[in-house]
Amino acid sequence: MSTEQNKAVLRRWMEAWNTRDVDVIATLVDETFAADLVIHSFQPNAPGGREDIRQFVRNALKNRPDIQITIEDMIAEGDRVAIRFTVGSTNTSTGKPTYRHIDVLRFADDKIAEEWAAPSAEITASTAAGEAHDPVAVVKALDAACNAGYIDRVMMLFADDASLKDPVEPKVYTGKRQIREWFQPQMGHFHVTSTNHRVTGNTVTWLGTLTGDIVKQMGSDLIEETAEAVVHDGKITSFALTVVGRKP
């Protein structure tokens, strides 16, 4: 399928939720998702197959009968589609929470075969109008996009004038063009696992563990890094990585 066809499949699935009809949404599960679907999620009990998704639909509509999904961004390249969307009530003034989600999906044979789901960020009625952003959700979305090998989704998370400090060379990359050039050769060749996220104001620090082809090329099986990112209005303005350990 073309990228536009993949986007159409995903859009049909997302917009079906706004019918709030369990039967309508459930009938689309087999048409939308592959039988061997794999979901990578921050949630320990995320759905892992078609029947799990149907049960997820039932539970979600039971808990949020006035659910409303709004697609904010959708970008496709090759067999991947990245989507940013909000899930909330039909009227946020009621005080019911709204959640922002960022997912990356891989398509195969006309269906979603794999999904990387970044943590959702809650937006309350009082902050929705101000477009509040959770810095930890932003950096976790960065990890999800990197692990999915999706460069455009990575770049969506950086401000135009952002800076990036290289973890190996004493060099700083400035602006989206230079940061893209730094990320591009690495995409699809590493996997990052992050832990111990800590927030001070707009600054997030955390620990990262890298594995993959690039790490092996550097003579290691695993590299440990510390990371720091400054996040403003949902965009990373400063990103610094420091290597703290290697395992052969």
Protein backbone atom coordinates (compact mmCIF):
# COMPACT_ATOMS: atom_id res chain seq x y z
CA MET A 1 0.00 0.00 0.00
CA SER A 2 1.02 3.62 -0.48
CA THR A 3 1.72 5.94 2.41
CA GLU A 4 -1.60 7.68 1.75
CA GLN A 5 -3.46 4.36 1.89
CA ASN A 6 -1.77 3.51 5.19
CA LYS A 7 -2.81 6.88 6.57
CA ALA A 8 -6.37 6.28 5.36
CA VAL A 9 -6.55 2.95 7.23
CA LEU A 10 -5.33 4.58 10.43
CA ARG A 11 -7.62 7.59 10.03
CA ARG A 12 -10.65 5.32 9.53
CA TRP A 13 -9.79 3.46 12.75
CA MET A 14 -9.24 6.62 14.79
CA GLU A 15 -12.38 8.35 13.55
CA ALA A 16 -14.51 5.25 14.21
CA TRP A 17 -14.00 5.89 17.93
CA ASN A 18 -16.01 9.07 17.65
CA THR A 19 -19.11 7.02 16.81
CA ARG A 20 -18.83 5.65 20.38
CA ASP A 21 -20.41 2.47 19.03
CA VAL A 22 -18.72 -0.70 20.32
CA ASP A 23 -19.99 -2.83 17.43
CA VAL A 24 -18.86 -0.36 14.77
CA ILE A 25 -15.35 -0.11 16.22
CA ALA A 26 -15.03 -3.84 16.96
CA THR A 27 -15.87 -4.78 13.37
CA LEU A 28 -12.86 -2.76 12.19
CA VAL A 29 -10.35 -4.62 14.35
CA ASP A 30 -9.74 -7.49 11.90
CA GLU A 31 -9.58 -5.04 8.98
CA THR A 32 -7.12 -2.73 10.73
CA PHE A 33 -4.74 -4.97 12.69
CA ALA A 34 -2.60 -7.95 11.64
CA ALA A 35 -3.22 -11.25 13.39
CA ASP A 36 0.38 -11.25 14.66
CA LEU A 37 0.28 -7.63 15.84
CA VAL A 38 3.09 -6.60 18.20
CA ILE A 39 2.61 -3.62 20.52
CA HIS A 40 5.52 -1.95 22.30
CA SER A 41 3.99 0.07 25.10
CA PHE A 42 4.91 1.76 28.36
CA GLN A 43 1.75 0.19 29.84
CA PRO A 44 2.29 -3.27 31.40
CA ASN A 45 -1.18 -4.51 30.39
CA ALA A 46 -1.39 -3.08 26.89
CA PRO A 47 -3.50 -5.07 24.39
CA GLY A 48 -1.47 -7.65 22.49
CA GLY A 49 -3.82 -9.13 19.92
CA ARG A 50 -7.12 -8.61 18.13
CA GLU A 51 -9.32 -9.95 20.92
CA ASP A 52 -7.37 -7.90 23.45
CA ILE A 53 -8.03 -4.81 21.34
CA ARG A 54 -11.76 -5.59 21.21
CA GLN A 55 -11.82 -5.89 25.00
CA PHE A 56 -9.83 -2.67 25.25
CA VAL A 57 -12.50 -0.95 23.14
CA ARG A 58 -15.28 -2.23 25.41
CA ASN A 59 -13.52 -1.06 28.55
CA ALA A 60 -12.57 2.32 27.10
CA LEU A 61 -16.12 3.13 25.98
CA LYS A 62 -17.53 1.95 29.28
CA ASN A 63 -15.21 4.27 31.22
CA ARG A 64 -15.44 7.18 28.78
CA PRO A 65 -18.86 7.08 27.07
CA ASP A 66 -18.37 10.61 25.70
CA ILE A 67 -14.93 9.91 24.22
CA GLN A 68 -13.70 12.22 21.49
CA ILE A 69 -10.54 11.69 19.45
CA THR A 70 -8.87 14.52 17.56
CA ILE A 71 -6.01 13.83 15.15
CA GLU A 72 -3.45 16.62 15.38
CA ASP A 73 -0.64 15.32 13.15
CA MET A 74 -0.12 12.32 10.89
CA ILE A 75 3.08 11.74 8.91
CA ALA A 76 3.90 8.70 6.76
CA GLU A 77 7.12 7.39 5.25
CA GLY A 78 7.67 3.93 3.79
CA ASP A 79 5.74 1.43 5.90
CA ARG A 80 5.56 3.70 8.98
CA VAL A 81 2.96 6.21 10.11
CA ALA A 82 3.43 8.55 13.07
CA ILE A 83 0.36 10.08 14.66
CA ARG A 84 -0.21 12.66 17.39
CA PHE A 85 -3.73 12.82 18.76
CA THR A 86 -5.78 13.76 21.80
CA VAL A 87 -8.35 11.62 23.58
CA GLY A 88 -10.87 13.37 25.75
CA SER A 89 -14.48 14.18 26.47
CA THR A 90 -16.68 16.10 24.08
CA ASN A 91 -16.49 19.09 26.42
CA THR A 92 -13.26 19.61 28.38
CA SER A 93 -14.97 22.22 30.56
CA THR A 94 -16.57 19.35 32.47
CA GLY A 95 -13.20 18.76 34.11
CA LYS A 96 -12.75 15.26 32.69
CA PRO A 97 -9.13 14.77 31.65
CA THR A 98 -7.89 14.88 28.10
CA TYR A 99 -4.83 12.87 27.09
CA ARG A 100 -2.30 13.51 24.36
CA HIS A 101 -0.82 10.43 22.65
CA ILE A 102 2.02 9.92 20.17
CA ASP A 103 2.25 6.58 18.37
CA VAL A 104 4.39 5.15 15.57
CA LEU A 105 2.92 2.27 13.57
CA ARG A 106 4.36 -0.14 11.01
CA PHE A 107 2.11 -1.46 8.24
CA ALA A 108 2.37 -4.82 6.46
CA ASP A 109 -0.10 -6.29 3.95
CA ASP A 110 -2.60 -3.45 4.39
CA LYS A 111 -2.73 -3.77 8.18
CA ILE A 112 -1.04 -2.41 11.30
CA ALA A 113 1.57 -5.02 12.24
CA GLU A 114 3.55 -3.21 14.92
CA GLU A 115 3.02 -0.23 17.20
CA TRP A 116 5.26 1.85 19.42
CA ALA A 117 3.15 3.75 21.94
CA ALA A 118 4.73 6.60 23.87
CA PRO A 119 3.40 7.55 27.32
CA SER A 120 0.30 9.73 27.28
CA ALA A 121 0.29 13.16 28.87
CA GLU A 122 -2.77 14.32 30.78
CA ILE A 123 -4.20 17.72 29.98
CA THR A 124 -6.79 18.96 32.46
CA ALA A 125 -9.58 21.35 31.60
CA SER A 126 -7.65 24.21 33.16
CA THR A 127 -4.52 23.60 31.09
CA ALA A 128 -5.95 22.34 27.80
CA ALA A 129 -6.28 25.83 26.37
CA GLY A 130 -2.65 26.53 27.22
CA GLU A 131 -1.40 23.36 25.46
CA ALA A 132 0.44 22.01 28.51
CA HIS A 133 3.21 19.54 27.68
CA ASP A 134 4.75 16.88 29.89
CA PRO A 135 8.56 17.00 29.45
CA VAL A 136 8.94 13.31 30.36
CA ALA A 137 6.32 12.32 27.79
CA VAL A 138 8.24 14.29 25.16
CA VAL A 139 11.58 12.58 25.82
CA LYS A 140 9.90 9.16 25.99
CA ALA A 141 8.27 9.92 22.65
CA LEU A 142 11.76 10.64 21.34
CA ASP A 143 12.92 7.19 22.48
CA ALA A 144 9.90 5.55 20.82
CA ALA A 145 10.55 7.35 17.54
CA CYS A 146 14.26 6.44 17.62
CA ASN A 147 13.50 2.78 18.31
CA ALA A 148 11.01 2.77 15.46
CA GLY A 149 13.67 4.23 13.14
CA TYR A 150 11.39 7.13 12.21
CA ILE A 151 13.51 10.23 11.57
CA ASP A 152 10.64 12.61 10.75
CA ARG A 153 8.93 11.79 14.04
CA VAL A 154 12.23 12.44 15.84
CA MET A 155 12.59 15.84 14.22
CA MET A 156 9.00 16.81 15.07
CA LEU A 157 10.07 16.77 18.73
CA PHE A 158 12.89 19.33 18.33
CA ALA A 159 12.54 23.10 18.24
CA ASP A 160 13.86 24.85 15.13
CA ASP A 161 16.82 26.33 17.02
CA ALA A 162 17.51 23.30 19.22
CA SER A 163 21.02 22.15 20.09
CA LEU A 164 22.43 18.64 20.56
CA LYS A 165 25.67 17.70 22.33
CA ASP A 166 27.42 14.64 20.89
CA PRO A 167 28.16 11.95 23.52
CA VAL A 168 31.50 10.97 21.98
CA GLU A 169 32.97 13.98 20.18
CA PRO A 170 33.30 17.45 21.74
CA LYS A 171 30.82 18.88 19.27
CA VAL A 172 27.46 20.62 19.46
CA TYR A 173 24.93 20.45 16.60
CA THR A 174 22.63 23.44 16.24
CA GLY A 175 19.34 23.66 14.35
CA LYS A 176 17.13 20.97 12.88
CA ARG A 177 19.25 20.42 9.77
CA GLN A 178 22.40 19.60 11.72
CA ILE A 179 20.50 17.50 14.28
CA ARG A 180 18.83 15.50 11.48
CA GLU A 181 22.23 14.88 9.90
CA TRP A 182 23.47 13.56 13.26
CA PHE A 183 20.51 11.22 13.78
CA GLN A 184 19.95 10.03 10.20
CA PRO A 185 22.87 7.53 9.82
CA GLN A 186 22.01 5.94 13.18
CA MET A 187 18.30 5.38 12.64
CA GLY A 188 17.34 1.72 12.67
CA HIS A 189 20.73 0.68 14.02
CA PHE A 190 20.25 1.07 17.76
CA HIS A 191 17.72 0.51 20.52
CA VAL A 192 17.48 2.68 23.62
CA THR A 193 15.96 1.85 27.00
CA SER A 194 15.54 4.76 29.41
CA THR A 195 15.01 4.82 33.17
CA ASN A 196 15.13 7.12 36.19
CA HIS A 197 13.55 10.18 34.59
CA ARG A 198 13.78 13.24 36.84
CA VAL A 199 12.28 16.66 36.20
CA THR A 200 13.43 20.03 37.47
CA GLY A 201 11.40 22.80 35.90
CA ASN A 202 11.65 22.28 32.12
CA THR A 203 14.74 20.06 32.37
CA VAL A 204 14.57 16.25 32.27
CA THR A 205 17.51 14.01 33.15
CA TRP A 206 17.58 10.24 32.77
CA LEU A 207 19.72 7.15 32.20
CA GLY A 208 19.83 5.41 28.84
CA THR A 209 21.06 1.99 27.75
CA LEU A 210 22.00 1.56 24.08
CA THR A 211 22.29 -1.71 22.16
CA GLY A 212 22.39 -2.55 18.46
CA ASP A 213 24.61 -2.44 15.39
CA ILE A 214 26.14 0.95 16.09
CA VAL A 215 27.10 -0.07 19.60
CA LYS A 216 28.78 -3.24 18.28
CA GLN A 217 30.70 -1.16 15.73
CA MET A 218 32.08 0.79 18.67
CA GLY A 219 33.37 -2.47 20.20
CA SER A 220 30.69 -2.90 22.86
CA ASP A 221 27.51 -4.86 23.40
CA LEU A 222 25.98 -2.14 25.57
CA ILE A 223 26.61 1.54 26.22
CA GLU A 224 25.27 3.45 29.20
CA GLU A 225 24.58 7.16 28.88
CA THR A 226 23.24 9.99 30.95
CA ALA A 227 20.90 12.34 29.10
CA GLU A 228 19.54 15.81 29.70
CA ALA A 229 16.88 17.64 27.72
CA VAL A 230 15.28 21.03 28.13
CA VAL A 231 11.66 21.05 26.92
CA HIS A 232 9.55 24.13 26.15
CA ASP A 233 6.00 23.94 24.77
CA GLY A 234 6.39 20.30 23.86
CA LYS A 235 9.64 20.80 21.92
CA ILE A 236 13.19 19.87 22.90
CA THR A 237 15.38 22.98 22.85
CA SER A 238 18.55 21.42 24.25
CA PHE A 239 19.66 17.78 24.27
CA ALA A 240 22.93 16.50 25.76
CA LEU A 241 24.27 12.94 25.97
CA THR A 242 27.26 11.68 27.97
CA VAL A 243 28.70 8.15 27.83
CA VAL A 244 29.24 6.82 31.38
CA GLY A 245 29.94 3.14 30.78
CA ARG A 246 30.46 0.33 28.29
CA LYS A 247 30.07 -3.43 28.49
CA PRO A 248 32.03 -5.66 26.06
